[in-house]
Amino acid sequence: MKILIVDDSKAMRMIVRRTLRHAGYGDHSVEEATNGKEALEIIQSSPPDLVLSDWNMPEMSGLQLLEAVKEQALPVKVGLVTSQGTGEMRAQANEAGALFLLTKPFTPDQFRGVLEPVLG
């Protein structure tokens, strides 16, 4: 299983990677991208099984990435991670086809809760 972590913050990418390990998903292959545009290029050339994307990023947001993935019918699942999980953002994420919207800060248990149905 290949997971793509997308966040403009290197520190946050490291936190997500560490949380995946602590949640029991450390044996999966993990790649990283610094924004939605870079992530879309990776997805188009070598699709991961799951994308964990920050919402707010320069060049292309996580929501724009999700919309591009759906528009191009790319075979990937996308979950969004954000520091502001408002009701409006949750509605937008659901409407765009996100698997989940996880609010920062998060715990390994929260990761397990949203990833278990996806990764098994």
N, C-alpha and C. Protein backbone atom coordinates (compact mmCIF):
# COMPACT_ATOMS: atom_id res chain seq x y z
N MET A 1 0.85 -1.18 0.00
CA MET A 1 0.00 0.00 0.00
C MET A 1 0.89 1.24 0.00
N LYS A 2 0.58 2.17 -0.91
CA LYS A 2 1.37 3.40 -1.02
C LYS A 2 0.53 4.59 -0.58
N ILE A 3 1.10 5.41 0.32
CA ILE A 3 0.42 6.59 0.86
C ILE A 3 1.22 7.82 0.47
N LEU A 4 0.52 8.85 -0.01
CA LEU A 4 1.15 10.12 -0.35
C LEU A 4 0.71 11.16 0.68
N ILE A 5 1.69 11.75 1.38
CA ILE A 5 1.43 12.83 2.34
C ILE A 5 1.70 14.15 1.64
N VAL A 6 0.72 15.05 1.66
CA VAL A 6 0.85 16.33 0.97
C VAL A 6 0.67 17.47 1.99
N ASP A 7 1.72 18.23 2.18
CA ASP A 7 1.66 19.37 3.10
C ASP A 7 2.83 20.29 2.78
N ASP A 8 2.60 21.59 2.82
CA ASP A 8 3.67 22.53 2.55
C ASP A 8 4.64 22.66 3.72
N SER A 9 4.28 22.13 4.87
CA SER A 9 5.15 22.17 6.04
C SER A 9 5.88 20.84 6.20
N LYS A 10 7.21 20.90 6.14
CA LYS A 10 8.02 19.68 6.32
C LYS A 10 7.76 19.08 7.70
N ALA A 11 7.65 19.95 8.71
CA ALA A 11 7.40 19.47 10.07
C ALA A 11 6.08 18.70 10.14
N MET A 12 5.05 19.22 9.48
CA MET A 12 3.75 18.54 9.51
C MET A 12 3.80 17.22 8.75
N ARG A 13 4.54 17.18 7.64
CA ARG A 13 4.69 15.90 6.92
C ARG A 13 5.35 14.86 7.81
N MET A 14 6.34 15.30 8.60
CA MET A 14 7.01 14.38 9.53
C MET A 14 6.05 13.93 10.63
N ILE A 15 5.20 14.83 11.11
CA ILE A 15 4.22 14.48 12.15
C ILE A 15 3.21 13.47 11.61
N VAL A 16 2.74 13.70 10.39
CA VAL A 16 1.78 12.76 9.79
C VAL A 16 2.44 11.39 9.62
N ARG A 17 3.66 11.38 9.13
CA ARG A 17 4.40 10.12 8.94
C ARG A 17 4.55 9.38 10.28
N ARG A 18 4.95 10.11 11.31
CA ARG A 18 5.12 9.51 12.64
C ARG A 18 3.79 9.00 13.19
N THR A 19 2.73 9.77 12.99
CA THR A 19 1.41 9.35 13.48
C THR A 19 0.94 8.10 12.75
N LEU A 20 1.23 8.00 11.47
CA LEU A 20 0.91 6.77 10.73
C LEU A 20 1.61 5.57 11.36
N ARG A 21 2.88 5.73 11.68
CA ARG A 21 3.64 4.64 12.32
C ARG A 21 3.01 4.25 13.65
N HIS A 22 2.70 5.26 14.47
CA HIS A 22 2.13 5.00 15.80
C HIS A 22 0.72 4.41 15.71
N ALA A 23 0.04 4.68 14.63
CA ALA A 23 -1.31 4.13 14.43
C ALA A 23 -1.27 2.71 13.87
N GLY A 24 -0.06 2.23 13.56
CA GLY A 24 0.07 0.86 13.08
C GLY A 24 0.20 0.73 11.57
N TYR A 25 0.45 1.84 10.88
CA TYR A 25 0.57 1.81 9.42
C TYR A 25 1.99 2.10 8.96
N GLY A 26 2.96 1.78 9.78
CA GLY A 26 4.36 2.06 9.47
C GLY A 26 4.95 1.18 8.38
N ASP A 27 4.28 0.08 8.05
CA ASP A 27 4.83 -0.82 7.04
C ASP A 27 4.41 -0.44 5.62
N HIS A 28 3.60 0.61 5.49
CA HIS A 28 3.18 1.07 4.16
C HIS A 28 4.26 1.97 3.56
N SER A 29 4.34 1.97 2.25
CA SER A 29 5.26 2.85 1.54
C SER A 29 4.70 4.28 1.60
N VAL A 30 5.54 5.25 1.97
CA VAL A 30 5.09 6.63 2.12
C VAL A 30 5.92 7.55 1.25
N GLU A 31 5.23 8.39 0.46
CA GLU A 31 5.88 9.43 -0.33
C GLU A 31 5.37 10.78 0.17
N GLU A 32 6.05 11.84 -0.22
CA GLU A 32 5.67 13.18 0.21
C GLU A 32 5.63 14.15 -0.96
N ALA A 33 4.74 15.14 -0.86
CA ALA A 33 4.67 16.24 -1.81
C ALA A 33 4.48 17.53 -1.01
N THR A 34 4.98 18.64 -1.55
CA THR A 34 4.93 19.91 -0.81
C THR A 34 3.72 20.77 -1.13
N ASN A 35 2.93 20.39 -2.14
CA ASN A 35 1.71 21.13 -2.45
C ASN A 35 0.83 20.28 -3.37
N GLY A 36 -0.37 20.75 -3.61
CA GLY A 36 -1.31 19.99 -4.44
C GLY A 36 -0.85 19.80 -5.87
N LYS A 37 -0.19 20.80 -6.42
CA LYS A 37 0.28 20.70 -7.80
C LYS A 37 1.32 19.58 -7.94
N GLU A 38 2.27 19.55 -7.03
CA GLU A 38 3.29 18.49 -7.04
C GLU A 38 2.63 17.12 -6.80
N ALA A 39 1.67 17.09 -5.89
CA ALA A 39 0.97 15.83 -5.60
C ALA A 39 0.22 15.32 -6.83
N LEU A 40 -0.43 16.22 -7.56
CA LEU A 40 -1.18 15.82 -8.74
C LEU A 40 -0.26 15.19 -9.78
N GLU A 41 0.92 15.76 -9.95
CA GLU A 41 1.90 15.18 -10.88
C GLU A 41 2.31 13.77 -10.46
N ILE A 42 2.51 13.58 -9.16
CA ILE A 42 2.87 12.26 -8.65
C ILE A 42 1.71 11.28 -8.88
N ILE A 43 0.50 11.73 -8.56
CA ILE A 43 -0.69 10.88 -8.72
C ILE A 43 -0.88 10.47 -10.18
N GLN A 44 -0.66 11.41 -11.09
CA GLN A 44 -0.83 11.11 -12.51
C GLN A 44 0.21 10.12 -13.02
N SER A 45 1.43 10.18 -12.48
CA SER A 45 2.49 9.30 -12.99
C SER A 45 2.58 7.97 -12.25
N SER A 46 2.27 7.97 -10.98
CA SER A 46 2.38 6.74 -10.18
C SER A 46 1.38 6.83 -9.03
N PRO A 47 0.11 6.52 -9.29
CA PRO A 47 -0.94 6.73 -8.29
C PRO A 47 -0.72 5.96 -6.99
N PRO A 48 -0.80 6.68 -5.86
CA PRO A 48 -0.77 5.99 -4.57
C PRO A 48 -2.15 5.39 -4.30
N ASP A 49 -2.24 4.60 -3.26
CA ASP A 49 -3.53 4.05 -2.87
C ASP A 49 -4.34 5.07 -2.07
N LEU A 50 -3.62 5.92 -1.34
CA LEU A 50 -4.27 6.89 -0.47
C LEU A 50 -3.45 8.18 -0.45
N VAL A 51 -4.15 9.31 -0.47
CA VAL A 51 -3.53 10.63 -0.34
C VAL A 51 -4.04 11.26 0.95
N LEU A 52 -3.11 11.71 1.79
CA LEU A 52 -3.43 12.47 3.00
C LEU A 52 -2.95 13.89 2.74
N SER A 53 -3.88 14.79 2.49
CA SER A 53 -3.51 16.14 2.06
C SER A 53 -3.96 17.22 3.02
N ASP A 54 -3.06 18.15 3.26
CA ASP A 54 -3.41 19.37 3.98
C ASP A 54 -4.43 20.14 3.14
N TRP A 55 -5.23 20.95 3.76
CA TRP A 55 -6.23 21.74 3.03
C TRP A 55 -5.58 23.00 2.47
N ASN A 56 -4.89 23.76 3.34
CA ASN A 56 -4.34 25.06 2.95
C ASN A 56 -2.88 24.95 2.53
N MET A 57 -2.63 25.14 1.23
CA MET A 57 -1.27 25.10 0.69
C MET A 57 -1.17 26.08 -0.47
N PRO A 58 0.04 26.56 -0.75
CA PRO A 58 0.23 27.42 -1.93
C PRO A 58 0.12 26.60 -3.22
N GLU A 59 -0.11 27.28 -4.31
CA GLU A 59 -0.19 26.73 -5.67
C GLU A 59 -1.46 25.93 -5.93
N MET A 60 -1.79 24.97 -5.07
CA MET A 60 -3.02 24.19 -5.22
C MET A 60 -3.39 23.65 -3.84
N SER A 61 -4.58 23.99 -3.37
CA SER A 61 -5.02 23.54 -2.05
C SER A 61 -5.39 22.05 -2.09
N GLY A 62 -5.58 21.50 -0.92
CA GLY A 62 -6.01 20.11 -0.83
C GLY A 62 -7.36 19.89 -1.47
N LEU A 63 -8.28 20.85 -1.29
CA LEU A 63 -9.60 20.73 -1.91
C LEU A 63 -9.49 20.80 -3.43
N GLN A 64 -8.65 21.70 -3.95
CA GLN A 64 -8.44 21.78 -5.40
C GLN A 64 -7.80 20.50 -5.93
N LEU A 65 -6.89 19.92 -5.15
CA LEU A 65 -6.28 18.65 -5.54
C LEU A 65 -7.35 17.57 -5.62
N LEU A 66 -8.19 17.48 -4.61
CA LEU A 66 -9.26 16.49 -4.60
C LEU A 66 -10.19 16.67 -5.80
N GLU A 67 -10.54 17.91 -6.09
CA GLU A 67 -11.40 18.19 -7.24
C GLU A 67 -10.74 17.78 -8.55
N ALA A 68 -9.43 18.03 -8.68
CA ALA A 68 -8.70 17.64 -9.90
C ALA A 68 -8.63 16.12 -10.02
N VAL A 69 -8.42 15.43 -8.91
CA VAL A 69 -8.38 13.96 -8.92
C VAL A 69 -9.72 13.41 -9.39
N LYS A 70 -10.81 13.96 -8.87
CA LYS A 70 -12.14 13.49 -9.25
C LYS A 70 -12.44 13.84 -10.71
N GLU A 71 -12.09 15.05 -11.13
CA GLU A 71 -12.34 15.50 -12.50
C GLU A 71 -11.60 14.62 -13.51
N GLN A 72 -10.39 14.21 -13.16
CA GLN A 72 -9.59 13.38 -14.06
C GLN A 72 -9.84 11.88 -13.85
N ALA A 73 -10.75 11.55 -12.94
CA ALA A 73 -11.09 10.16 -12.63
C ALA A 73 -9.85 9.33 -12.29
N LEU A 74 -8.96 9.92 -11.50
CA LEU A 74 -7.75 9.21 -11.09
C LEU A 74 -8.09 8.22 -9.98
N PRO A 75 -7.51 7.03 -10.02
CA PRO A 75 -7.90 5.96 -9.09
C PRO A 75 -7.25 6.04 -7.71
N VAL A 76 -7.51 7.14 -6.99
CA VAL A 76 -6.94 7.29 -5.65
C VAL A 76 -8.01 7.75 -4.67
N LYS A 77 -7.78 7.40 -3.42
CA LYS A 77 -8.64 7.85 -2.33
C LYS A 77 -7.94 9.02 -1.66
N VAL A 78 -8.73 10.04 -1.28
CA VAL A 78 -8.15 11.25 -0.71
C VAL A 78 -8.84 11.59 0.61
N GLY A 79 -8.01 11.82 1.64
CA GLY A 79 -8.48 12.33 2.92
C GLY A 79 -7.81 13.68 3.16
N LEU A 80 -8.54 14.60 3.75
CA LEU A 80 -8.01 15.94 3.99
C LEU A 80 -7.70 16.14 5.47
N VAL A 81 -6.65 16.91 5.72
CA VAL A 81 -6.21 17.23 7.07
C VAL A 81 -6.16 18.75 7.15
N THR A 82 -6.73 19.32 8.21
CA THR A 82 -6.76 20.77 8.31
C THR A 82 -6.73 21.23 9.76
N SER A 83 -6.33 22.47 9.95
CA SER A 83 -6.33 23.02 11.31
C SER A 83 -7.66 23.68 11.62
N GLN A 84 -8.52 23.86 10.60
CA GLN A 84 -9.82 24.50 10.82
C GLN A 84 -10.92 23.62 10.24
N GLY A 85 -11.47 22.75 11.03
CA GLY A 85 -12.50 21.83 10.53
C GLY A 85 -13.90 22.38 10.73
N THR A 86 -14.22 23.48 10.07
CA THR A 86 -15.54 24.08 10.22
C THR A 86 -16.60 23.21 9.54
N GLY A 87 -17.83 23.45 9.89
CA GLY A 87 -18.94 22.72 9.27
C GLY A 87 -18.98 22.94 7.77
N GLU A 88 -18.70 24.17 7.34
CA GLU A 88 -18.68 24.49 5.91
C GLU A 88 -17.57 23.70 5.19
N MET A 89 -16.39 23.62 5.82
CA MET A 89 -15.28 22.88 5.22
C MET A 89 -15.62 21.39 5.14
N ARG A 90 -16.25 20.85 6.17
CA ARG A 90 -16.65 19.44 6.15
C ARG A 90 -17.64 19.19 5.02
N ALA A 91 -18.58 20.10 4.84
CA ALA A 91 -19.55 19.96 3.76
C ALA A 91 -18.86 20.01 2.40
N GLN A 92 -17.93 20.93 2.22
CA GLN A 92 -17.19 21.04 0.96
C GLN A 92 -16.38 19.76 0.71
N ALA A 93 -15.74 19.25 1.75
CA ALA A 93 -14.93 18.03 1.61
C ALA A 93 -15.82 16.85 1.23
N ASN A 94 -16.94 16.71 1.89
CA ASN A 94 -17.88 15.62 1.57
C ASN A 94 -18.39 15.74 0.14
N GLU A 95 -18.77 16.95 -0.23
CA GLU A 95 -19.31 17.18 -1.58
C GLU A 95 -18.27 16.87 -2.66
N ALA A 96 -17.00 17.17 -2.36
CA ALA A 96 -15.92 16.93 -3.33
C ALA A 96 -15.49 15.46 -3.37
N GLY A 97 -15.94 14.67 -2.38
CA GLY A 97 -15.62 13.25 -2.40
C GLY A 97 -14.49 12.83 -1.48
N ALA A 98 -14.16 13.66 -0.49
CA ALA A 98 -13.11 13.27 0.46
C ALA A 98 -13.58 12.09 1.30
N LEU A 99 -12.66 11.20 1.60
CA LEU A 99 -12.98 10.07 2.48
C LEU A 99 -13.25 10.54 3.89
N PHE A 100 -12.51 11.59 4.30
CA PHE A 100 -12.65 12.13 5.65
C PHE A 100 -11.99 13.49 5.69
N LEU A 101 -12.31 14.23 6.75
CA LEU A 101 -11.65 15.50 7.05
C LEU A 101 -11.19 15.38 8.50
N LEU A 102 -9.89 15.33 8.71
CA LEU A 102 -9.30 15.16 10.03
C LEU A 102 -8.74 16.50 10.47
N THR A 103 -9.09 16.90 11.70
CA THR A 103 -8.65 18.19 12.21
C THR A 103 -7.38 18.05 13.04
N LYS A 104 -6.42 18.96 12.79
CA LYS A 104 -5.18 19.03 13.58
C LYS A 104 -5.51 19.71 14.91
N PRO A 105 -4.88 19.36 16.00
CA PRO A 105 -3.96 18.23 16.14
C PRO A 105 -4.74 16.92 16.18
N PHE A 106 -4.10 15.85 15.76
CA PHE A 106 -4.74 14.55 15.72
C PHE A 106 -3.91 13.54 16.49
N THR A 107 -4.53 12.43 16.80
CA THR A 107 -3.85 11.38 17.56
C THR A 107 -3.76 10.11 16.70
N PRO A 108 -2.89 9.18 17.09
CA PRO A 108 -2.86 7.90 16.37
C PRO A 108 -4.22 7.20 16.37
N ASP A 109 -4.96 7.31 17.48
CA ASP A 109 -6.29 6.69 17.54
C ASP A 109 -7.24 7.30 16.52
N GLN A 110 -7.18 8.62 16.35
CA GLN A 110 -8.03 9.27 15.35
C GLN A 110 -7.63 8.81 13.94
N PHE A 111 -6.33 8.68 13.70
CA PHE A 111 -5.86 8.19 12.39
C PHE A 111 -6.40 6.79 12.14
N ARG A 112 -6.28 5.92 13.16
CA ARG A 112 -6.79 4.55 13.02
C ARG A 112 -8.27 4.57 12.70
N GLY A 113 -9.01 5.44 13.38
CA GLY A 113 -10.46 5.52 13.17
C GLY A 113 -10.86 5.86 11.75
N VAL A 114 -10.12 6.76 11.11
CA VAL A 114 -10.47 7.14 9.73
C VAL A 114 -9.80 6.25 8.69
N LEU A 115 -8.65 5.66 9.05
CA LEU A 115 -7.92 4.84 8.07
C LEU A 115 -8.33 3.37 8.07
N GLU A 116 -8.81 2.86 9.18
CA GLU A 116 -9.17 1.44 9.27
C GLU A 116 -10.16 1.04 8.17
N PRO A 117 -11.22 1.82 7.94
CA PRO A 117 -12.15 1.44 6.87
C PRO A 117 -11.50 1.47 5.47
N VAL A 118 -10.47 2.28 5.31
CA VAL A 118 -9.81 2.46 4.01
C VAL A 118 -8.69 1.45 3.81
N LEU A 119 -7.84 1.29 4.82
CA LEU A 119 -6.65 0.47 4.70
C LEU A 119 -6.81 -0.93 5.29
N GLY A 120 -7.82 -1.10 6.13
CA GLY A 120 -8.05 -2.42 6.73
C GLY A 120 -7.09 -2.77 7.82
